[in-house]
Amino acid sequence: MLEKHEANKGELGRERHRDTAVNSPAAGRKAADREVPVPGVDDGRAVVLNNWLDGAAAEADARRVDSGHVELWKQIAVETQRRHRMTTPAHLAGQIMAALPERSLAMKVARDARSDRSQRSGATTTSVTLVLGAGALALGVVLGKVFGR
């Protein structure tokens, strides 16, 4: 089977391309949201499950189609939420900081301090520029009213 990017010499030396997307058996079917259809595979179950995972279908509908996958995804959601709530123990953070060499820590603190100063001075310059621009605009409006008559 030829892909779109592969050429086949036709009559008179011209290249012919065969568009697999148009000639495939799945060409007439609508693709599920953000999914690539697999030719020859019934995707009705996948559509219902994907809709449930996206919040567009009820859990009961998804269970009717495939309860095994629903249970799998519910367990994955529970485990994901559990891991989101995990925090690093305080004693471990202290051990990590104690293991860092003093010099690299001091250099990082100095680099962060310089970064904070440069960001603050950039914000000040931006705010001063905005105030000056607004003042110039107001002055232009006033002068236009006075001399524009």
N, C-alpha and C. Protein backbone atom coordinates (compact mmCIF):
# COMPACT_ATOMS: atom_id res chain seq x y z
N MET A 1 0.84 -1.16 0.00
CA MET A 1 0.00 0.00 0.00
C MET A 1 0.89 1.24 0.00
N LEU A 2 0.56 2.19 -0.81
CA LEU A 2 1.35 3.41 -0.90
C LEU A 2 0.82 4.47 0.05
N GLU A 3 1.71 5.17 0.66
CA GLU A 3 1.33 6.29 1.51
C GLU A 3 1.31 7.55 0.66
N LYS A 4 0.79 8.63 1.21
CA LYS A 4 0.70 9.89 0.46
C LYS A 4 2.07 10.37 -0.02
N HIS A 5 3.08 10.19 0.80
CA HIS A 5 4.39 10.73 0.47
C HIS A 5 5.21 9.84 -0.45
N GLU A 6 4.70 8.67 -0.80
CA GLU A 6 5.43 7.79 -1.70
C GLU A 6 4.87 7.95 -3.11
N ALA A 7 5.77 8.04 -4.05
CA ALA A 7 5.36 8.26 -5.43
C ALA A 7 5.33 6.95 -6.20
N ASN A 8 4.46 6.88 -7.20
CA ASN A 8 4.38 5.73 -8.10
C ASN A 8 4.32 6.30 -9.50
N LYS A 9 5.23 5.87 -10.34
CA LYS A 9 5.25 6.39 -11.71
C LYS A 9 4.04 5.86 -12.48
N GLY A 10 3.27 6.77 -13.01
CA GLY A 10 2.10 6.41 -13.79
C GLY A 10 2.41 6.52 -15.27
N GLU A 11 1.34 6.58 -16.07
CA GLU A 11 1.55 6.69 -17.50
C GLU A 11 2.16 8.04 -17.85
N LEU A 12 2.89 8.10 -18.88
CA LEU A 12 3.59 9.27 -19.38
C LEU A 12 4.62 9.80 -18.39
N GLY A 13 5.09 8.96 -17.47
CA GLY A 13 6.16 9.36 -16.56
C GLY A 13 5.72 10.26 -15.42
N ARG A 14 4.42 10.55 -15.36
CA ARG A 14 3.95 11.40 -14.24
C ARG A 14 3.81 10.56 -12.99
N GLU A 15 4.00 11.20 -11.88
CA GLU A 15 3.88 10.49 -10.61
C GLU A 15 2.42 10.47 -10.16
N ARG A 16 1.98 9.31 -9.69
CA ARG A 16 0.64 9.17 -9.13
C ARG A 16 0.75 8.89 -7.65
N HIS A 17 -0.13 9.52 -6.87
CA HIS A 17 -0.18 9.26 -5.44
C HIS A 17 -1.52 8.64 -5.11
N ARG A 18 -1.48 7.74 -4.18
CA ARG A 18 -2.72 7.13 -3.72
C ARG A 18 -2.98 7.63 -2.31
N ASP A 19 -4.09 8.27 -2.11
CA ASP A 19 -4.43 8.85 -0.82
C ASP A 19 -5.04 7.76 0.06
N THR A 20 -4.29 7.27 1.04
CA THR A 20 -4.77 6.19 1.88
C THR A 20 -5.90 6.63 2.79
N ALA A 21 -5.95 7.90 3.14
CA ALA A 21 -7.02 8.37 4.03
C ALA A 21 -8.37 8.30 3.32
N VAL A 22 -8.39 8.55 2.02
CA VAL A 22 -9.64 8.52 1.26
C VAL A 22 -10.01 7.09 0.89
N ASN A 23 -9.01 6.24 0.59
CA ASN A 23 -9.28 4.89 0.13
C ASN A 23 -9.42 3.86 1.24
N SER A 24 -9.23 4.26 2.49
CA SER A 24 -9.29 3.29 3.58
C SER A 24 -10.75 2.97 3.92
N PRO A 25 -11.01 1.81 4.53
CA PRO A 25 -12.36 1.44 4.91
C PRO A 25 -12.94 2.36 5.98
N ALA A 26 -12.10 3.03 6.76
CA ALA A 26 -12.58 3.91 7.84
C ALA A 26 -12.78 5.34 7.36
N ALA A 27 -12.64 5.61 6.06
CA ALA A 27 -12.70 6.98 5.57
C ALA A 27 -14.05 7.63 5.82
N GLY A 28 -15.14 6.88 5.77
CA GLY A 28 -16.46 7.47 5.95
C GLY A 28 -16.85 7.67 7.40
N ARG A 29 -16.14 7.05 8.33
CA ARG A 29 -16.48 7.17 9.74
C ARG A 29 -15.92 8.45 10.33
N LYS A 30 -16.65 8.99 11.32
CA LYS A 30 -16.19 10.18 12.00
C LYS A 30 -15.19 9.77 13.09
N ALA A 31 -14.07 10.46 13.16
CA ALA A 31 -13.07 10.14 14.18
C ALA A 31 -13.53 10.65 15.53
N ALA A 32 -13.25 9.91 16.57
CA ALA A 32 -13.57 10.33 17.93
C ALA A 32 -12.72 11.54 18.28
N ASP A 33 -13.17 12.29 19.25
CA ASP A 33 -12.49 13.50 19.67
C ASP A 33 -11.04 13.20 20.05
N ARG A 34 -10.09 13.79 19.33
CA ARG A 34 -8.66 13.65 19.58
C ARG A 34 -8.17 12.21 19.49
N GLU A 35 -8.84 11.37 18.77
CA GLU A 35 -8.43 9.98 18.63
C GLU A 35 -8.17 9.69 17.16
N VAL A 36 -7.25 8.79 16.89
CA VAL A 36 -6.96 8.36 15.54
C VAL A 36 -7.66 7.02 15.33
N PRO A 37 -8.57 6.93 14.34
CA PRO A 37 -9.29 5.67 14.15
C PRO A 37 -8.38 4.57 13.61
N VAL A 38 -8.60 3.37 14.07
CA VAL A 38 -7.87 2.21 13.58
C VAL A 38 -8.80 1.46 12.63
N PRO A 39 -8.41 1.31 11.36
CA PRO A 39 -9.29 0.64 10.40
C PRO A 39 -9.61 -0.79 10.84
N GLY A 40 -10.88 -1.17 10.70
CA GLY A 40 -11.30 -2.53 11.01
C GLY A 40 -11.59 -2.79 12.47
N VAL A 41 -11.51 -1.77 13.33
CA VAL A 41 -11.76 -1.94 14.76
C VAL A 41 -13.03 -1.20 15.12
N ASP A 42 -13.94 -1.89 15.83
CA ASP A 42 -15.16 -1.24 16.28
C ASP A 42 -14.80 -0.28 17.41
N ASP A 43 -15.01 1.02 17.18
CA ASP A 43 -14.58 2.00 18.16
C ASP A 43 -15.74 2.56 18.99
N GLY A 44 -16.90 1.93 18.96
CA GLY A 44 -18.04 2.40 19.74
C GLY A 44 -17.76 2.38 21.23
N ARG A 45 -17.12 1.32 21.72
CA ARG A 45 -16.78 1.23 23.14
C ARG A 45 -15.79 2.32 23.52
N ALA A 46 -14.80 2.52 22.68
CA ALA A 46 -13.77 3.53 22.97
C ALA A 46 -14.37 4.92 23.03
N VAL A 47 -15.32 5.22 22.16
CA VAL A 47 -15.94 6.54 22.15
C VAL A 47 -16.68 6.78 23.46
N VAL A 48 -17.44 5.78 23.92
CA VAL A 48 -18.18 5.93 25.17
C VAL A 48 -17.22 6.10 26.34
N LEU A 49 -16.16 5.28 26.39
CA LEU A 49 -15.19 5.40 27.47
C LEU A 49 -14.47 6.75 27.45
N ASN A 50 -14.08 7.20 26.26
CA ASN A 50 -13.41 8.50 26.16
C ASN A 50 -14.35 9.63 26.56
N ASN A 51 -15.62 9.53 26.17
CA ASN A 51 -16.57 10.56 26.58
C ASN A 51 -16.72 10.57 28.10
N TRP A 52 -16.76 9.39 28.72
CA TRP A 52 -16.86 9.34 30.18
C TRP A 52 -15.62 9.94 30.84
N LEU A 53 -14.44 9.61 30.30
CA LEU A 53 -13.20 10.16 30.86
C LEU A 53 -13.14 11.68 30.68
N ASP A 54 -13.72 12.19 29.59
CA ASP A 54 -13.75 13.63 29.35
C ASP A 54 -14.85 14.33 30.14
N GLY A 55 -15.73 13.55 30.78
CA GLY A 55 -16.82 14.14 31.55
C GLY A 55 -18.08 14.39 30.73
N ALA A 56 -18.13 13.87 29.51
CA ALA A 56 -19.27 14.11 28.63
C ALA A 56 -20.30 12.99 28.67
N ALA A 57 -20.04 11.91 29.39
CA ALA A 57 -20.98 10.79 29.48
C ALA A 57 -21.05 10.32 30.93
N ALA A 58 -22.15 9.67 31.26
CA ALA A 58 -22.34 9.18 32.62
C ALA A 58 -21.52 7.91 32.85
N GLU A 59 -21.16 7.69 34.11
CA GLU A 59 -20.39 6.50 34.46
C GLU A 59 -21.20 5.23 34.17
N ALA A 60 -22.52 5.30 34.36
CA ALA A 60 -23.37 4.13 34.10
C ALA A 60 -23.28 3.70 32.64
N ASP A 61 -23.24 4.67 31.73
CA ASP A 61 -23.11 4.35 30.30
C ASP A 61 -21.77 3.66 30.02
N ALA A 62 -20.72 4.18 30.64
CA ALA A 62 -19.40 3.58 30.43
C ALA A 62 -19.34 2.18 31.04
N ARG A 63 -19.97 1.98 32.19
CA ARG A 63 -19.97 0.65 32.82
C ARG A 63 -20.73 -0.36 31.97
N ARG A 64 -21.82 0.10 31.33
CA ARG A 64 -22.57 -0.79 30.46
C ARG A 64 -21.71 -1.27 29.30
N VAL A 65 -20.84 -0.42 28.81
CA VAL A 65 -20.00 -0.76 27.66
C VAL A 65 -18.82 -1.63 28.09
N ASP A 66 -18.11 -1.22 29.16
CA ASP A 66 -16.92 -1.95 29.58
C ASP A 66 -16.61 -1.63 31.03
N SER A 67 -17.10 -2.46 31.94
CA SER A 67 -16.92 -2.19 33.37
C SER A 67 -15.46 -2.38 33.80
N GLY A 68 -14.74 -3.25 33.13
CA GLY A 68 -13.34 -3.48 33.48
C GLY A 68 -12.49 -2.23 33.30
N HIS A 69 -12.66 -1.54 32.16
CA HIS A 69 -11.90 -0.33 31.92
C HIS A 69 -12.33 0.79 32.85
N VAL A 70 -13.62 0.84 33.20
CA VAL A 70 -14.09 1.86 34.13
C VAL A 70 -13.42 1.67 35.48
N GLU A 71 -13.36 0.43 35.97
CA GLU A 71 -12.70 0.15 37.24
C GLU A 71 -11.21 0.52 37.17
N LEU A 72 -10.56 0.18 36.06
CA LEU A 72 -9.15 0.52 35.89
C LEU A 72 -8.94 2.02 36.00
N TRP A 73 -9.74 2.80 35.27
CA TRP A 73 -9.57 4.24 35.27
C TRP A 73 -9.94 4.87 36.61
N LYS A 74 -10.89 4.28 37.32
CA LYS A 74 -11.23 4.78 38.65
C LYS A 74 -10.06 4.53 39.61
N GLN A 75 -9.41 3.36 39.52
CA GLN A 75 -8.25 3.08 40.36
C GLN A 75 -7.09 4.01 40.03
N ILE A 76 -6.92 4.29 38.73
CA ILE A 76 -5.86 5.22 38.32
C ILE A 76 -6.14 6.61 38.89
N ALA A 77 -7.40 7.05 38.87
CA ALA A 77 -7.76 8.37 39.41
C ALA A 77 -7.50 8.43 40.91
N VAL A 78 -7.86 7.36 41.64
CA VAL A 78 -7.63 7.33 43.09
C VAL A 78 -6.14 7.39 43.39
N GLU A 79 -5.35 6.61 42.67
CA GLU A 79 -3.90 6.60 42.89
C GLU A 79 -3.29 7.95 42.54
N THR A 80 -3.75 8.58 41.47
CA THR A 80 -3.24 9.89 41.07
C THR A 80 -3.54 10.93 42.14
N GLN A 81 -4.77 10.93 42.66
CA GLN A 81 -5.11 11.88 43.72
C GLN A 81 -4.27 11.63 44.97
N ARG A 82 -4.04 10.37 45.32
CA ARG A 82 -3.22 10.05 46.48
C ARG A 82 -1.81 10.58 46.31
N ARG A 83 -1.26 10.42 45.12
CA ARG A 83 0.11 10.89 44.88
C ARG A 83 0.19 12.41 44.83
N HIS A 84 -0.88 13.08 44.41
CA HIS A 84 -0.89 14.55 44.42
C HIS A 84 -0.84 15.09 45.84
N ARG A 85 -1.40 14.35 46.79
CA ARG A 85 -1.42 14.79 48.18
C ARG A 85 -0.13 14.49 48.91
N MET A 86 0.76 13.70 48.32
CA MET A 86 2.01 13.33 48.98
C MET A 86 2.92 14.55 49.11
N THR A 87 3.61 14.63 50.25
CA THR A 87 4.59 15.69 50.45
C THR A 87 5.90 15.07 50.93
N THR A 88 6.97 15.81 50.72
CA THR A 88 8.27 15.35 51.17
C THR A 88 8.36 15.57 52.68
N PRO A 89 8.77 14.57 53.44
CA PRO A 89 8.92 14.76 54.88
C PRO A 89 9.93 15.85 55.20
N ALA A 90 9.68 16.59 56.29
CA ALA A 90 10.54 17.72 56.65
C ALA A 90 11.97 17.29 56.91
N HIS A 91 12.16 16.14 57.55
CA HIS A 91 13.53 15.71 57.85
C HIS A 91 14.31 15.39 56.57
N LEU A 92 13.60 14.94 55.52
CA LEU A 92 14.28 14.64 54.26
C LEU A 92 14.75 15.92 53.58
N ALA A 93 13.92 16.96 53.61
CA ALA A 93 14.33 18.24 53.02
C ALA A 93 15.56 18.77 53.74
N GLY A 94 15.59 18.62 55.06
CA GLY A 94 16.77 19.06 55.83
C GLY A 94 18.01 18.28 55.47
N GLN A 95 17.85 16.97 55.26
CA GLN A 95 18.99 16.13 54.87
C GLN A 95 19.52 16.54 53.50
N ILE A 96 18.62 16.85 52.60
CA ILE A 96 19.04 17.27 51.25
C ILE A 96 19.81 18.57 51.33
N MET A 97 19.29 19.54 52.09
CA MET A 97 19.97 20.83 52.21
C MET A 97 21.33 20.67 52.89
N ALA A 98 21.42 19.76 53.88
CA ALA A 98 22.69 19.53 54.57
C ALA A 98 23.71 18.87 53.64
N ALA A 99 23.24 18.08 52.69
CA ALA A 99 24.15 17.39 51.78
C ALA A 99 24.70 18.30 50.69
N LEU A 100 24.08 19.45 50.47
CA LEU A 100 24.56 20.37 49.43
C LEU A 100 25.83 21.07 49.90
N PRO A 101 26.80 21.23 49.01
CA PRO A 101 28.01 21.97 49.39
C PRO A 101 27.67 23.43 49.67
N GLU A 102 28.35 24.02 50.63
CA GLU A 102 28.09 25.40 51.02
C GLU A 102 28.30 26.37 49.86
N ARG A 103 29.35 26.17 49.10
CA ARG A 103 29.67 27.11 48.03
C ARG A 103 28.55 27.15 46.99
N SER A 104 28.06 26.00 46.55
CA SER A 104 27.01 26.01 45.52
C SER A 104 25.73 26.62 46.07
N LEU A 105 25.45 26.42 47.35
CA LEU A 105 24.27 27.02 47.96
C LEU A 105 24.41 28.54 48.02
N ALA A 106 25.61 29.02 48.42
CA ALA A 106 25.84 30.46 48.49
C ALA A 106 25.75 31.09 47.10
N MET A 107 26.28 30.41 46.11
CA MET A 107 26.23 30.94 44.74
C MET A 107 24.79 31.00 44.25
N LYS A 108 23.99 29.99 44.57
CA LYS A 108 22.59 29.97 44.14
C LYS A 108 21.83 31.11 44.80
N VAL A 109 22.07 31.35 46.09
CA VAL A 109 21.39 32.44 46.80
C VAL A 109 21.78 33.77 46.18
N ALA A 110 23.07 33.97 45.87
CA ALA A 110 23.51 35.22 45.26
C ALA A 110 22.91 35.39 43.87
N ARG A 111 22.85 34.32 43.10
CA ARG A 111 22.29 34.39 41.75
C ARG A 111 20.79 34.72 41.81
N ASP A 112 20.08 34.11 42.76
CA ASP A 112 18.66 34.41 42.91
C ASP A 112 18.44 35.85 43.34
N ALA A 113 19.30 36.36 44.21
CA ALA A 113 19.17 37.75 44.65
C ALA A 113 19.37 38.71 43.49
N ARG A 114 20.38 38.45 42.66
CA ARG A 114 20.60 39.31 41.48
C ARG A 114 19.40 39.23 40.54
N SER A 115 18.87 38.04 40.36
CA SER A 115 17.72 37.86 39.48
C SER A 115 16.52 38.64 39.99
N ASP A 116 16.28 38.60 41.32
CA ASP A 116 15.16 39.35 41.89
C ASP A 116 15.33 40.84 41.67
N ARG A 117 16.57 41.36 41.86
CA ARG A 117 16.80 42.80 41.67
C ARG A 117 16.57 43.20 40.22
N SER A 118 17.05 42.37 39.29
CA SER A 118 16.89 42.73 37.87
C SER A 118 15.43 42.67 37.46
N GLN A 119 14.68 41.74 38.03
CA GLN A 119 13.25 41.68 37.69
C GLN A 119 12.52 42.88 38.26
N ARG A 120 12.88 43.28 39.49
CA ARG A 120 12.22 44.45 40.09
C ARG A 120 12.56 45.71 39.31
N SER A 121 13.81 45.88 38.89
CA SER A 121 14.18 47.09 38.16
C SER A 121 13.50 47.10 36.79
N GLY A 122 13.32 45.93 36.19
CA GLY A 122 12.62 45.85 34.91
C GLY A 122 11.16 46.25 35.06
N ALA A 123 10.54 45.82 36.16
CA ALA A 123 9.15 46.18 36.41
C ALA A 123 9.03 47.68 36.66
N THR A 124 10.00 48.25 37.37
CA THR A 124 9.97 49.69 37.63
C THR A 124 10.11 50.45 36.33
N THR A 125 11.03 50.05 35.49
CA THR A 125 11.21 50.72 34.21
C THR A 125 9.93 50.62 33.37
N THR A 126 9.29 49.51 33.38
CA THR A 126 8.05 49.35 32.62
C THR A 126 6.95 50.25 33.17
N SER A 127 6.82 50.31 34.49
CA SER A 127 5.76 51.14 35.07
C SER A 127 6.04 52.62 34.83
N VAL A 128 7.31 53.03 34.91
CA VAL A 128 7.66 54.43 34.63
C VAL A 128 7.34 54.76 33.18
N THR A 129 7.64 53.86 32.29
CA THR A 129 7.36 54.08 30.87
C THR A 129 5.86 54.22 30.63
N LEU A 130 5.07 53.38 31.28
CA LEU A 130 3.61 53.48 31.13
C LEU A 130 3.07 54.79 31.67
N VAL A 131 3.56 55.24 32.81
CA VAL A 131 3.11 56.51 33.39
C VAL A 131 3.49 57.67 32.49
N LEU A 132 4.72 57.67 31.99
CA LEU A 132 5.15 58.73 31.08
C LEU A 132 4.32 58.74 29.80
N GLY A 133 4.02 57.57 29.28
CA GLY A 133 3.20 57.49 28.07
C GLY A 133 1.79 58.02 28.30
N ALA A 134 1.19 57.66 29.44
CA ALA A 134 -0.15 58.17 29.76
C ALA A 134 -0.13 59.67 29.94
N GLY A 135 0.92 60.18 30.57
CA GLY A 135 1.04 61.64 30.76
C GLY A 135 1.17 62.36 29.42
N ALA A 136 1.98 61.80 28.54
CA ALA A 136 2.15 62.41 27.22
C ALA A 136 0.85 62.39 26.44
N LEU A 137 0.09 61.31 26.55
CA LEU A 137 -1.20 61.23 25.88
C LEU A 137 -2.16 62.28 26.42
N ALA A 138 -2.22 62.42 27.75
CA ALA A 138 -3.10 63.42 28.36
C ALA A 138 -2.70 64.83 27.94
N LEU A 139 -1.38 65.11 27.92
CA LEU A 139 -0.90 66.42 27.50
C LEU A 139 -1.28 66.68 26.04
N GLY A 140 -1.18 65.67 25.21
CA GLY A 140 -1.54 65.82 23.81
C GLY A 140 -3.02 66.12 23.64
N VAL A 141 -3.86 65.48 24.44
CA VAL A 141 -5.31 65.74 24.37
C VAL A 141 -5.61 67.16 24.79
N VAL A 142 -4.98 67.63 25.88
CA VAL A 142 -5.20 68.99 26.37
C VAL A 142 -4.74 70.01 25.34
N LEU A 143 -3.55 69.82 24.81
CA LEU A 143 -3.03 70.75 23.80
C LEU A 143 -3.89 70.72 22.54
N GLY A 144 -4.41 69.58 22.18
CA GLY A 144 -5.27 69.50 21.01
C GLY A 144 -6.56 70.26 21.21
N LYS A 145 -7.11 70.22 22.42
CA LYS A 145 -8.34 70.97 22.71
C LYS A 145 -8.09 72.47 22.68
N VAL A 146 -6.95 72.88 23.26
CA VAL A 146 -6.65 74.31 23.34
C VAL A 146 -6.32 74.88 21.96
N PHE A 147 -5.44 74.25 21.25
CA PHE A 147 -4.97 74.81 19.97
C PHE A 147 -5.75 74.29 18.77
N GLY A 148 -6.61 73.35 18.98
CA GLY A 148 -7.33 72.76 17.85
C GLY A 148 -8.52 73.60 17.39
N ARG A 149 -8.87 74.59 18.10
CA ARG A 149 -10.05 75.41 17.74
C ARG A 149 -9.74 76.41 16.73
